[in-house]
Amino acid sequence: MLFSRSNHGLNNIHLFYGVEVVIYIEGETSPEKYDENFYKTILNNLLHIKSERFKIVPLGGCENVKKRYEEILLNNISNSICVLDRDYSFIKQSIIYNPKLLKFSYGYSWENDFWSDKIIYRIIEFLSGGRVSQLDNFEEILSNTKKYAKKLSCYDLLSQIHAECVLDKSKASFWCKIRL
C-alpha cells in the first residue's frame, strides 16, 4: 500500500528532505537491495549531481511508482521525478507520459543496464582466479547467453500481453515458469 500525501504535501516534500528534487523509484529500502544506491551512483558519478540536491525514495513495486507519478502529473508538481523499469508492464495500461516527470531505465530494468560485457568478464575473471582468459570461446559463450536472454525477454513480453508472465517477478531470485 502506498502512503499518500495531500497535494500540498507532495509539492513541499522536497523541503522536508532539504533537497531540490525527490526521485521516486521501484525497489525497497534495505541493505540487501541496491536500487537506491544504483541511482545515487549514477546521479553522483556519471551526471555529477551532488547528493545534497536530491532525495531518492523507493516505493516498492511498479504500481506504487505509477500511482505516485499520476498524483504528481495531475497536481502539476514540478519538483518530483518518477523512475520505472522498462519491463514492459506499461503495456497493460496506458498512462499519460511526461518526459520531465517520468523516466525509464534504458534496458528491461536497471539491473540489466548494469551488467555490461566488461563487468561480466571482470567478475568471471575474479571468480575463476584469472582463468577466464584461458577460455578460447568465452566471447561465444557470452554471445549465446545474451541471445537466449533476449529470447526469454521476448517470450515474457508476449506472455504479458495475455496477462501471464514467463519470468516470475514476485520471486527474490530468478525463476522461469517455462522449460526451454
N, C-alpha and C. Protein backbone atom coordinates (compact mmCIF):
# COMPACT_ATOMS: atom_id res chain seq x y z
N MET A 1 0.84 -1.18 0.00
CA MET A 1 0.00 0.00 0.00
C MET A 1 0.88 1.24 0.00
N LEU A 2 0.54 2.20 -0.79
CA LEU A 2 1.31 3.43 -0.93
C LEU A 2 0.80 4.48 0.04
N PHE A 3 1.70 4.96 0.90
CA PHE A 3 1.35 6.06 1.79
C PHE A 3 1.25 7.32 0.95
N SER A 4 0.13 7.99 1.03
CA SER A 4 -0.09 9.15 0.18
C SER A 4 -0.09 10.43 1.01
N ARG A 5 0.18 11.52 0.34
CA ARG A 5 0.18 12.84 0.96
C ARG A 5 -0.82 13.71 0.22
N SER A 6 -1.15 14.82 0.85
CA SER A 6 -2.01 15.79 0.18
C SER A 6 -1.22 16.41 -0.97
N ASN A 7 -1.92 17.10 -1.86
CA ASN A 7 -1.24 17.77 -2.97
C ASN A 7 -0.20 18.76 -2.44
N HIS A 8 -0.58 19.49 -1.39
CA HIS A 8 0.35 20.45 -0.79
C HIS A 8 1.56 19.72 -0.20
N GLY A 9 1.30 18.58 0.43
CA GLY A 9 2.39 17.79 1.00
C GLY A 9 3.35 17.29 -0.06
N LEU A 10 2.81 16.76 -1.17
CA LEU A 10 3.66 16.30 -2.27
C LEU A 10 4.46 17.44 -2.88
N ASN A 11 3.85 18.60 -2.97
CA ASN A 11 4.52 19.76 -3.57
C ASN A 11 5.65 20.28 -2.69
N ASN A 12 5.58 20.01 -1.37
CA ASN A 12 6.58 20.54 -0.44
C ASN A 12 7.46 19.49 0.20
N ILE A 13 7.33 18.23 -0.20
CA ILE A 13 8.11 17.18 0.45
C ILE A 13 9.62 17.38 0.24
N HIS A 14 9.99 18.01 -0.85
CA HIS A 14 11.42 18.29 -1.08
C HIS A 14 11.97 19.20 0.02
N LEU A 15 11.15 20.09 0.55
CA LEU A 15 11.58 20.97 1.64
C LEU A 15 11.82 20.17 2.92
N PHE A 16 10.97 19.15 3.16
CA PHE A 16 11.14 18.27 4.31
C PHE A 16 12.50 17.58 4.26
N TYR A 17 12.89 17.12 3.07
CA TYR A 17 14.17 16.44 2.91
C TYR A 17 15.33 17.42 2.73
N GLY A 18 15.04 18.69 2.50
CA GLY A 18 16.09 19.69 2.29
C GLY A 18 16.81 19.54 0.96
N VAL A 19 16.06 19.18 -0.08
CA VAL A 19 16.64 18.95 -1.41
C VAL A 19 15.85 19.73 -2.46
N GLU A 20 16.37 19.73 -3.68
CA GLU A 20 15.68 20.40 -4.78
C GLU A 20 14.64 19.50 -5.45
N VAL A 21 14.91 18.20 -5.48
CA VAL A 21 14.02 17.28 -6.18
C VAL A 21 13.95 15.94 -5.45
N VAL A 22 12.77 15.34 -5.47
CA VAL A 22 12.56 14.00 -4.91
C VAL A 22 12.38 13.04 -6.08
N ILE A 23 13.11 11.93 -6.05
CA ILE A 23 13.07 10.94 -7.12
C ILE A 23 12.47 9.65 -6.57
N TYR A 24 11.32 9.26 -7.09
CA TYR A 24 10.64 8.04 -6.65
C TYR A 24 11.02 6.90 -7.58
N ILE A 25 11.44 5.78 -6.99
CA ILE A 25 11.90 4.63 -7.78
C ILE A 25 11.20 3.36 -7.31
N GLU A 26 11.30 2.32 -8.15
CA GLU A 26 10.88 0.99 -7.75
C GLU A 26 11.95 0.46 -6.80
N GLY A 27 11.57 -0.45 -5.93
CA GLY A 27 12.54 -1.06 -5.04
C GLY A 27 12.20 -0.79 -3.58
N GLU A 28 13.01 -1.37 -2.72
CA GLU A 28 12.80 -1.27 -1.29
C GLU A 28 14.02 -0.65 -0.63
N THR A 29 13.81 -0.09 0.55
CA THR A 29 14.92 0.46 1.32
C THR A 29 15.40 -0.63 2.28
N SER A 30 16.49 -1.26 1.95
CA SER A 30 17.11 -2.26 2.82
C SER A 30 18.54 -2.48 2.34
N PRO A 31 19.42 -2.89 3.25
CA PRO A 31 20.83 -3.10 2.87
C PRO A 31 21.03 -4.12 1.75
N GLU A 32 20.10 -5.09 1.63
CA GLU A 32 20.24 -6.13 0.61
C GLU A 32 19.81 -5.65 -0.77
N LYS A 33 19.10 -4.56 -0.84
CA LYS A 33 18.59 -4.03 -2.11
C LYS A 33 19.48 -2.89 -2.58
N TYR A 34 19.81 -2.89 -3.86
CA TYR A 34 20.76 -1.92 -4.39
C TYR A 34 20.11 -0.85 -5.26
N ASP A 35 18.80 -0.82 -5.33
CA ASP A 35 18.11 0.13 -6.21
C ASP A 35 18.50 1.57 -5.91
N GLU A 36 18.38 1.96 -4.66
CA GLU A 36 18.67 3.33 -4.26
C GLU A 36 20.14 3.68 -4.51
N ASN A 37 21.04 2.77 -4.14
CA ASN A 37 22.48 3.01 -4.35
C ASN A 37 22.83 3.13 -5.83
N PHE A 38 22.19 2.33 -6.67
CA PHE A 38 22.45 2.40 -8.10
C PHE A 38 22.14 3.79 -8.63
N TYR A 39 20.96 4.29 -8.32
CA TYR A 39 20.57 5.61 -8.84
C TYR A 39 21.40 6.73 -8.23
N LYS A 40 21.76 6.61 -6.95
CA LYS A 40 22.64 7.62 -6.33
C LYS A 40 23.98 7.66 -7.05
N THR A 41 24.52 6.49 -7.35
CA THR A 41 25.81 6.41 -8.04
C THR A 41 25.73 7.02 -9.42
N ILE A 42 24.68 6.72 -10.16
CA ILE A 42 24.50 7.30 -11.50
C ILE A 42 24.45 8.83 -11.41
N LEU A 43 23.63 9.33 -10.51
CA LEU A 43 23.47 10.79 -10.39
C LEU A 43 24.75 11.46 -9.92
N ASN A 44 25.42 10.86 -8.92
CA ASN A 44 26.66 11.44 -8.38
C ASN A 44 27.83 11.35 -9.34
N ASN A 45 28.10 10.14 -9.81
CA ASN A 45 29.35 9.89 -10.54
C ASN A 45 29.26 10.09 -12.04
N LEU A 46 28.13 9.82 -12.64
CA LEU A 46 28.02 9.99 -14.09
C LEU A 46 27.45 11.34 -14.48
N LEU A 47 26.46 11.80 -13.73
CA LEU A 47 25.84 13.08 -14.06
C LEU A 47 26.37 14.23 -13.20
N HIS A 48 27.21 13.89 -12.23
CA HIS A 48 27.87 14.87 -11.35
C HIS A 48 26.87 15.77 -10.63
N ILE A 49 25.80 15.16 -10.15
CA ILE A 49 24.80 15.88 -9.35
C ILE A 49 25.05 15.51 -7.89
N LYS A 50 25.26 16.49 -7.06
CA LYS A 50 25.58 16.25 -5.65
C LYS A 50 24.37 15.69 -4.91
N SER A 51 24.65 14.77 -3.98
CA SER A 51 23.59 14.11 -3.21
C SER A 51 22.72 15.08 -2.44
N GLU A 52 23.26 16.24 -2.09
CA GLU A 52 22.50 17.23 -1.33
C GLU A 52 21.36 17.82 -2.15
N ARG A 53 21.37 17.63 -3.45
CA ARG A 53 20.35 18.23 -4.32
C ARG A 53 19.13 17.33 -4.53
N PHE A 54 19.24 16.04 -4.18
CA PHE A 54 18.12 15.13 -4.44
C PHE A 54 17.94 14.13 -3.31
N LYS A 55 16.74 13.58 -3.23
CA LYS A 55 16.41 12.50 -2.31
C LYS A 55 15.76 11.40 -3.12
N ILE A 56 16.29 10.19 -3.00
CA ILE A 56 15.71 9.04 -3.70
C ILE A 56 14.81 8.30 -2.72
N VAL A 57 13.58 8.06 -3.13
CA VAL A 57 12.59 7.40 -2.28
C VAL A 57 12.08 6.14 -2.97
N PRO A 58 12.52 4.95 -2.50
CA PRO A 58 11.98 3.71 -3.06
C PRO A 58 10.54 3.51 -2.59
N LEU A 59 9.67 3.16 -3.51
CA LEU A 59 8.24 3.00 -3.20
C LEU A 59 7.76 1.55 -3.29
N GLY A 60 8.68 0.61 -3.44
CA GLY A 60 8.25 -0.78 -3.60
C GLY A 60 8.07 -1.10 -5.07
N GLY A 61 6.92 -1.60 -5.43
CA GLY A 61 6.69 -2.07 -6.79
C GLY A 61 6.33 -0.98 -7.78
N CYS A 62 6.26 -1.40 -9.01
CA CYS A 62 5.95 -0.55 -10.15
C CYS A 62 4.62 0.18 -9.99
N GLU A 63 3.61 -0.51 -9.48
CA GLU A 63 2.28 0.09 -9.35
C GLU A 63 2.31 1.29 -8.41
N ASN A 64 3.11 1.22 -7.34
CA ASN A 64 3.21 2.35 -6.41
C ASN A 64 3.85 3.56 -7.08
N VAL A 65 4.87 3.31 -7.89
CA VAL A 65 5.53 4.42 -8.59
C VAL A 65 4.57 5.03 -9.61
N LYS A 66 3.80 4.17 -10.30
CA LYS A 66 2.81 4.68 -11.26
C LYS A 66 1.77 5.56 -10.56
N LYS A 67 1.29 5.10 -9.39
CA LYS A 67 0.30 5.90 -8.64
C LYS A 67 0.89 7.24 -8.24
N ARG A 68 2.13 7.24 -7.76
CA ARG A 68 2.77 8.50 -7.37
C ARG A 68 2.96 9.41 -8.58
N TYR A 69 3.34 8.82 -9.71
CA TYR A 69 3.50 9.60 -10.94
C TYR A 69 2.19 10.27 -11.33
N GLU A 70 1.10 9.52 -11.26
CA GLU A 70 -0.20 10.09 -11.61
C GLU A 70 -0.58 11.24 -10.68
N GLU A 71 -0.27 11.10 -9.38
CA GLU A 71 -0.52 12.19 -8.42
C GLU A 71 0.30 13.43 -8.79
N ILE A 72 1.56 13.21 -9.11
CA ILE A 72 2.46 14.31 -9.47
C ILE A 72 1.98 14.99 -10.75
N LEU A 73 1.61 14.17 -11.73
CA LEU A 73 1.17 14.69 -13.02
C LEU A 73 -0.14 15.48 -12.90
N LEU A 74 -1.12 14.89 -12.24
CA LEU A 74 -2.44 15.52 -12.12
C LEU A 74 -2.41 16.80 -11.28
N ASN A 75 -1.46 16.88 -10.34
CA ASN A 75 -1.38 18.04 -9.46
C ASN A 75 -0.29 19.02 -9.86
N ASN A 76 0.31 18.77 -11.04
CA ASN A 76 1.30 19.70 -11.60
C ASN A 76 2.46 19.98 -10.64
N ILE A 77 3.01 18.92 -10.06
CA ILE A 77 4.12 19.05 -9.12
C ILE A 77 5.42 18.94 -9.91
N SER A 78 6.24 19.96 -9.83
CA SER A 78 7.41 20.04 -10.71
C SER A 78 8.72 19.62 -10.05
N ASN A 79 8.74 19.40 -8.75
CA ASN A 79 9.99 19.07 -8.08
C ASN A 79 10.11 17.59 -7.72
N SER A 80 9.43 16.75 -8.47
CA SER A 80 9.47 15.31 -8.27
C SER A 80 9.60 14.60 -9.61
N ILE A 81 10.31 13.47 -9.59
CA ILE A 81 10.50 12.65 -10.79
C ILE A 81 10.25 11.20 -10.40
N CYS A 82 9.64 10.44 -11.28
CA CYS A 82 9.43 9.01 -11.06
C CYS A 82 10.25 8.23 -12.08
N VAL A 83 10.83 7.12 -11.63
CA VAL A 83 11.64 6.27 -12.49
C VAL A 83 11.08 4.85 -12.45
N LEU A 84 10.79 4.30 -13.64
CA LEU A 84 10.27 2.94 -13.76
C LEU A 84 11.22 2.08 -14.58
N ASP A 85 11.26 0.79 -14.25
CA ASP A 85 11.97 -0.15 -15.10
C ASP A 85 11.20 -0.27 -16.41
N ARG A 86 11.91 -0.43 -17.49
CA ARG A 86 11.28 -0.60 -18.80
C ARG A 86 11.02 -2.11 -18.99
N ASP A 87 10.24 -2.68 -18.10
CA ASP A 87 9.99 -4.13 -18.14
C ASP A 87 8.69 -4.49 -18.83
N TYR A 88 8.20 -3.61 -19.64
CA TYR A 88 7.03 -3.86 -20.47
C TYR A 88 5.72 -3.95 -19.70
N SER A 89 5.75 -3.71 -18.39
CA SER A 89 4.49 -3.78 -17.65
C SER A 89 3.57 -2.63 -18.02
N PHE A 90 4.14 -1.57 -18.60
CA PHE A 90 3.32 -0.43 -19.00
C PHE A 90 2.38 -0.77 -20.16
N ILE A 91 2.61 -1.90 -20.82
CA ILE A 91 1.75 -2.31 -21.94
C ILE A 91 0.33 -2.58 -21.44
N LYS A 92 0.21 -3.07 -20.23
CA LYS A 92 -1.09 -3.46 -19.70
C LYS A 92 -2.02 -2.27 -19.49
N GLN A 93 -1.46 -1.12 -19.25
CA GLN A 93 -2.32 0.03 -19.03
C GLN A 93 -1.66 1.28 -19.58
N SER A 94 -2.46 2.15 -20.10
CA SER A 94 -1.96 3.37 -20.70
C SER A 94 -1.88 4.47 -19.65
N ILE A 95 -0.76 5.18 -19.60
CA ILE A 95 -0.63 6.34 -18.74
C ILE A 95 -0.14 7.50 -19.59
N ILE A 96 -0.52 8.69 -19.20
CA ILE A 96 -0.06 9.88 -19.92
C ILE A 96 1.42 10.05 -19.62
N TYR A 97 2.20 10.26 -20.64
CA TYR A 97 3.65 10.32 -20.48
C TYR A 97 4.15 11.76 -20.53
N ASN A 98 4.83 12.18 -19.48
CA ASN A 98 5.50 13.47 -19.43
C ASN A 98 6.98 13.19 -19.20
N PRO A 99 7.84 13.38 -20.21
CA PRO A 99 9.25 13.00 -20.09
C PRO A 99 10.02 13.78 -19.02
N LYS A 100 9.49 14.89 -18.56
CA LYS A 100 10.16 15.64 -17.48
C LYS A 100 9.89 15.02 -16.12
N LEU A 101 8.77 14.31 -16.01
CA LEU A 101 8.37 13.76 -14.72
C LEU A 101 8.52 12.25 -14.62
N LEU A 102 8.61 11.56 -15.76
CA LEU A 102 8.70 10.10 -15.76
C LEU A 102 9.86 9.65 -16.63
N LYS A 103 10.76 8.88 -16.02
CA LYS A 103 11.93 8.35 -16.72
C LYS A 103 11.86 6.82 -16.68
N PHE A 104 12.46 6.18 -17.69
CA PHE A 104 12.52 4.72 -17.74
C PHE A 104 13.98 4.28 -17.76
N SER A 105 14.24 3.09 -17.22
CA SER A 105 15.57 2.51 -17.35
C SER A 105 15.84 2.28 -18.83
N TYR A 106 17.09 2.22 -19.20
CA TYR A 106 17.46 2.01 -20.60
C TYR A 106 17.04 0.62 -21.07
N GLY A 107 17.37 -0.37 -20.27
CA GLY A 107 17.03 -1.76 -20.60
C GLY A 107 15.79 -2.22 -19.87
N TYR A 108 15.64 -3.51 -19.77
CA TYR A 108 14.48 -4.13 -19.12
C TYR A 108 14.32 -3.63 -17.69
N SER A 109 15.45 -3.50 -17.00
CA SER A 109 15.48 -2.97 -15.64
C SER A 109 16.88 -2.40 -15.40
N TRP A 110 17.06 -1.68 -14.31
CA TRP A 110 18.39 -1.10 -14.06
C TRP A 110 19.42 -2.20 -13.88
N GLU A 111 19.01 -3.34 -13.35
CA GLU A 111 19.97 -4.44 -13.19
C GLU A 111 20.53 -4.87 -14.54
N ASN A 112 19.68 -4.86 -15.58
CA ASN A 112 20.15 -5.20 -16.92
C ASN A 112 21.08 -4.12 -17.47
N ASP A 113 20.79 -2.87 -17.15
CA ASP A 113 21.66 -1.78 -17.59
C ASP A 113 23.05 -1.91 -16.97
N PHE A 114 23.09 -2.40 -15.74
CA PHE A 114 24.35 -2.53 -15.00
C PHE A 114 25.27 -3.59 -15.61
N TRP A 115 24.72 -4.71 -16.04
CA TRP A 115 25.53 -5.83 -16.49
C TRP A 115 26.02 -5.65 -17.92
N SER A 116 27.19 -5.08 -18.06
CA SER A 116 27.81 -4.93 -19.38
C SER A 116 28.76 -6.11 -19.61
N ASP A 117 29.17 -6.30 -20.85
CA ASP A 117 30.12 -7.38 -21.17
C ASP A 117 31.40 -7.23 -20.35
N LYS A 118 31.86 -6.01 -20.21
CA LYS A 118 33.11 -5.75 -19.49
C LYS A 118 32.98 -6.14 -18.01
N ILE A 119 31.86 -5.79 -17.39
CA ILE A 119 31.66 -6.14 -15.98
C ILE A 119 31.52 -7.64 -15.82
N ILE A 120 30.78 -8.29 -16.70
CA ILE A 120 30.63 -9.75 -16.64
C ILE A 120 32.00 -10.42 -16.76
N TYR A 121 32.81 -9.97 -17.70
CA TYR A 121 34.14 -10.54 -17.90
C TYR A 121 34.98 -10.38 -16.63
N ARG A 122 34.98 -9.19 -16.05
CA ARG A 122 35.79 -8.93 -14.86
C ARG A 122 35.34 -9.77 -13.67
N ILE A 123 34.03 -9.93 -13.50
CA ILE A 123 33.53 -10.73 -12.38
C ILE A 123 33.89 -12.19 -12.57
N ILE A 124 33.70 -12.71 -13.77
CA ILE A 124 34.05 -14.12 -14.02
C ILE A 124 35.56 -14.31 -13.88
N GLU A 125 36.32 -13.35 -14.33
CA GLU A 125 37.78 -13.42 -14.17
C GLU A 125 38.16 -13.46 -12.70
N PHE A 126 37.52 -12.63 -11.89
CA PHE A 126 37.78 -12.61 -10.45
C PHE A 126 37.39 -13.94 -9.80
N LEU A 127 36.18 -14.43 -10.13
CA LEU A 127 35.68 -15.66 -9.52
C LEU A 127 36.45 -16.90 -9.98
N SER A 128 37.03 -16.84 -11.17
CA SER A 128 37.77 -18.00 -11.68
C SER A 128 39.26 -17.92 -11.38
N GLY A 129 39.66 -16.92 -10.63
CA GLY A 129 41.08 -16.78 -10.32
C GLY A 129 41.90 -16.38 -11.55
N GLY A 130 41.31 -15.64 -12.44
CA GLY A 130 42.02 -15.16 -13.62
C GLY A 130 42.07 -16.14 -14.77
N ARG A 131 41.34 -17.25 -14.67
CA ARG A 131 41.41 -18.28 -15.72
C ARG A 131 40.45 -18.06 -16.88
N VAL A 132 39.61 -17.04 -16.80
CA VAL A 132 38.66 -16.81 -17.89
C VAL A 132 39.40 -16.48 -19.18
N SER A 133 40.55 -15.86 -19.07
CA SER A 133 41.33 -15.52 -20.27
C SER A 133 41.83 -16.77 -20.99
N GLN A 134 41.84 -17.91 -20.29
CA GLN A 134 42.27 -19.16 -20.91
C GLN A 134 41.16 -19.81 -21.74
N LEU A 135 39.94 -19.33 -21.58
CA LEU A 135 38.83 -19.86 -22.37
C LEU A 135 38.87 -19.28 -23.77
N ASP A 136 39.02 -20.14 -24.74
CA ASP A 136 39.05 -19.68 -26.13
C ASP A 136 37.69 -19.20 -26.61
N ASN A 137 36.64 -19.77 -26.04
CA ASN A 137 35.30 -19.49 -26.55
C ASN A 137 34.46 -18.63 -25.59
N PHE A 138 35.10 -17.85 -24.73
CA PHE A 138 34.34 -17.04 -23.78
C PHE A 138 33.40 -16.07 -24.49
N GLU A 139 33.89 -15.41 -25.52
CA GLU A 139 33.05 -14.45 -26.26
C GLU A 139 31.84 -15.15 -26.87
N GLU A 140 32.04 -16.36 -27.37
CA GLU A 140 30.93 -17.13 -27.95
C GLU A 140 29.91 -17.52 -26.88
N ILE A 141 30.41 -17.96 -25.71
CA ILE A 141 29.52 -18.33 -24.61
C ILE A 141 28.69 -17.12 -24.18
N LEU A 142 29.34 -15.98 -24.04
CA LEU A 142 28.65 -14.76 -23.64
C LEU A 142 27.62 -14.34 -24.69
N SER A 143 27.99 -14.43 -25.95
CA SER A 143 27.09 -14.07 -27.04
C SER A 143 25.85 -14.97 -27.05
N ASN A 144 26.06 -16.28 -26.90
CA ASN A 144 24.93 -17.22 -26.87
C ASN A 144 24.02 -16.98 -25.66
N THR A 145 24.63 -16.70 -24.52
CA THR A 145 23.85 -16.41 -23.31
C THR A 145 22.97 -15.19 -23.52
N LYS A 146 23.52 -14.16 -24.15
CA LYS A 146 22.75 -12.95 -24.42
C LYS A 146 21.61 -13.22 -25.40
N LYS A 147 21.86 -14.09 -26.39
CA LYS A 147 20.80 -14.44 -27.34
C LYS A 147 19.64 -15.13 -26.64
N TYR A 148 19.97 -16.09 -25.75
CA TYR A 148 18.92 -16.80 -25.01
C TYR A 148 18.17 -15.84 -24.09
N ALA A 149 18.88 -14.93 -23.45
CA ALA A 149 18.23 -13.95 -22.56
C ALA A 149 17.28 -13.05 -23.35
N LYS A 150 17.68 -12.66 -24.56
CA LYS A 150 16.81 -11.83 -25.40
C LYS A 150 15.54 -12.59 -25.78
N LYS A 151 15.71 -13.88 -26.14
CA LYS A 151 14.54 -14.69 -26.49
C LYS A 151 13.60 -14.81 -25.30
N LEU A 152 14.17 -15.06 -24.14
CA LEU A 152 13.36 -15.20 -22.93
C LEU A 152 12.62 -13.90 -22.63
N SER A 153 13.29 -12.78 -22.82
CA SER A 153 12.67 -11.48 -22.61
C SER A 153 11.52 -11.26 -23.59
N CYS A 154 11.70 -11.67 -24.83
CA CYS A 154 10.62 -11.56 -25.84
C CYS A 154 9.44 -12.44 -25.47
N TYR A 155 9.71 -13.67 -25.02
CA TYR A 155 8.62 -14.56 -24.58
C TYR A 155 7.86 -13.92 -23.43
N ASP A 156 8.61 -13.32 -22.51
CA ASP A 156 7.99 -12.67 -21.36
C ASP A 156 7.10 -11.52 -21.80
N LEU A 157 7.59 -10.70 -22.73
CA LEU A 157 6.81 -9.58 -23.25
C LEU A 157 5.51 -10.08 -23.88
N LEU A 158 5.62 -11.07 -24.74
CA LEU A 158 4.43 -11.61 -25.41
C LEU A 158 3.45 -12.22 -24.41
N SER A 159 3.98 -12.89 -23.40
CA SER A 159 3.09 -13.51 -22.42
C SER A 159 2.38 -12.46 -21.56
N GLN A 160 3.03 -11.32 -21.31
CA GLN A 160 2.39 -10.27 -20.51
C GLN A 160 1.18 -9.67 -21.22
N ILE A 161 1.20 -9.67 -22.53
CA ILE A 161 0.06 -9.18 -23.29
C ILE A 161 -1.18 -10.00 -22.97
N HIS A 162 -0.97 -11.28 -22.65
CA HIS A 162 -2.06 -12.19 -22.31
C HIS A 162 -2.17 -12.39 -20.80
N ALA A 163 -1.61 -11.42 -20.03
CA ALA A 163 -1.72 -11.38 -18.56
C ALA A 163 -1.03 -12.54 -17.86
N GLU A 164 -0.05 -13.15 -18.47
CA GLU A 164 0.71 -14.23 -17.85
C GLU A 164 2.19 -13.98 -18.11
N CYS A 165 2.97 -13.92 -17.05
CA CYS A 165 4.41 -13.67 -17.21
C CYS A 165 5.18 -14.98 -17.32
N VAL A 166 6.19 -15.00 -18.16
CA VAL A 166 7.10 -16.14 -18.24
C VAL A 166 8.09 -16.04 -17.09
N LEU A 167 8.59 -14.84 -16.84
CA LEU A 167 9.53 -14.61 -15.75
C LEU A 167 8.75 -14.18 -14.51
N ASP A 168 8.90 -14.95 -13.45
CA ASP A 168 8.16 -14.68 -12.22
C ASP A 168 8.82 -13.52 -11.49
N LYS A 169 8.18 -12.38 -11.49
CA LYS A 169 8.75 -11.19 -10.88
C LYS A 169 8.44 -11.09 -9.39
N SER A 170 7.69 -12.03 -8.86
CA SER A 170 7.38 -12.00 -7.43
C SER A 170 8.46 -12.68 -6.60
N LYS A 171 9.37 -13.36 -7.23
CA LYS A 171 10.43 -14.07 -6.52
C LYS A 171 11.63 -13.15 -6.31
N ALA A 172 12.33 -13.36 -5.21
CA ALA A 172 13.55 -12.58 -4.95
C ALA A 172 14.67 -13.02 -5.88
N SER A 173 14.64 -14.28 -6.29
CA SER A 173 15.67 -14.76 -7.21
C SER A 173 15.03 -15.08 -8.56
N PHE A 174 15.88 -15.29 -9.54
CA PHE A 174 15.40 -15.55 -10.90
C PHE A 174 14.62 -16.86 -10.94
N TRP A 175 13.49 -16.84 -11.60
CA TRP A 175 12.68 -18.04 -11.76
C TRP A 175 11.94 -17.95 -13.07
N CYS A 176 11.99 -19.02 -13.83
CA CYS A 176 11.32 -19.05 -15.12
C CYS A 176 10.21 -20.09 -15.05
N LYS A 177 9.04 -19.75 -15.56
CA LYS A 177 7.88 -20.64 -15.48
C LYS A 177 7.80 -21.63 -16.63
N ILE A 178 8.67 -21.51 -17.63
CA ILE A 178 8.61 -22.44 -18.75
C ILE A 178 9.92 -23.19 -18.87
N ARG A 179 9.84 -24.32 -19.52
CA ARG A 179 11.06 -25.08 -19.82
C ARG A 179 11.51 -24.73 -21.22
N LEU A 180 12.77 -24.41 -21.34
CA LEU A 180 13.30 -24.02 -22.65
C LEU A 180 13.88 -25.21 -23.37
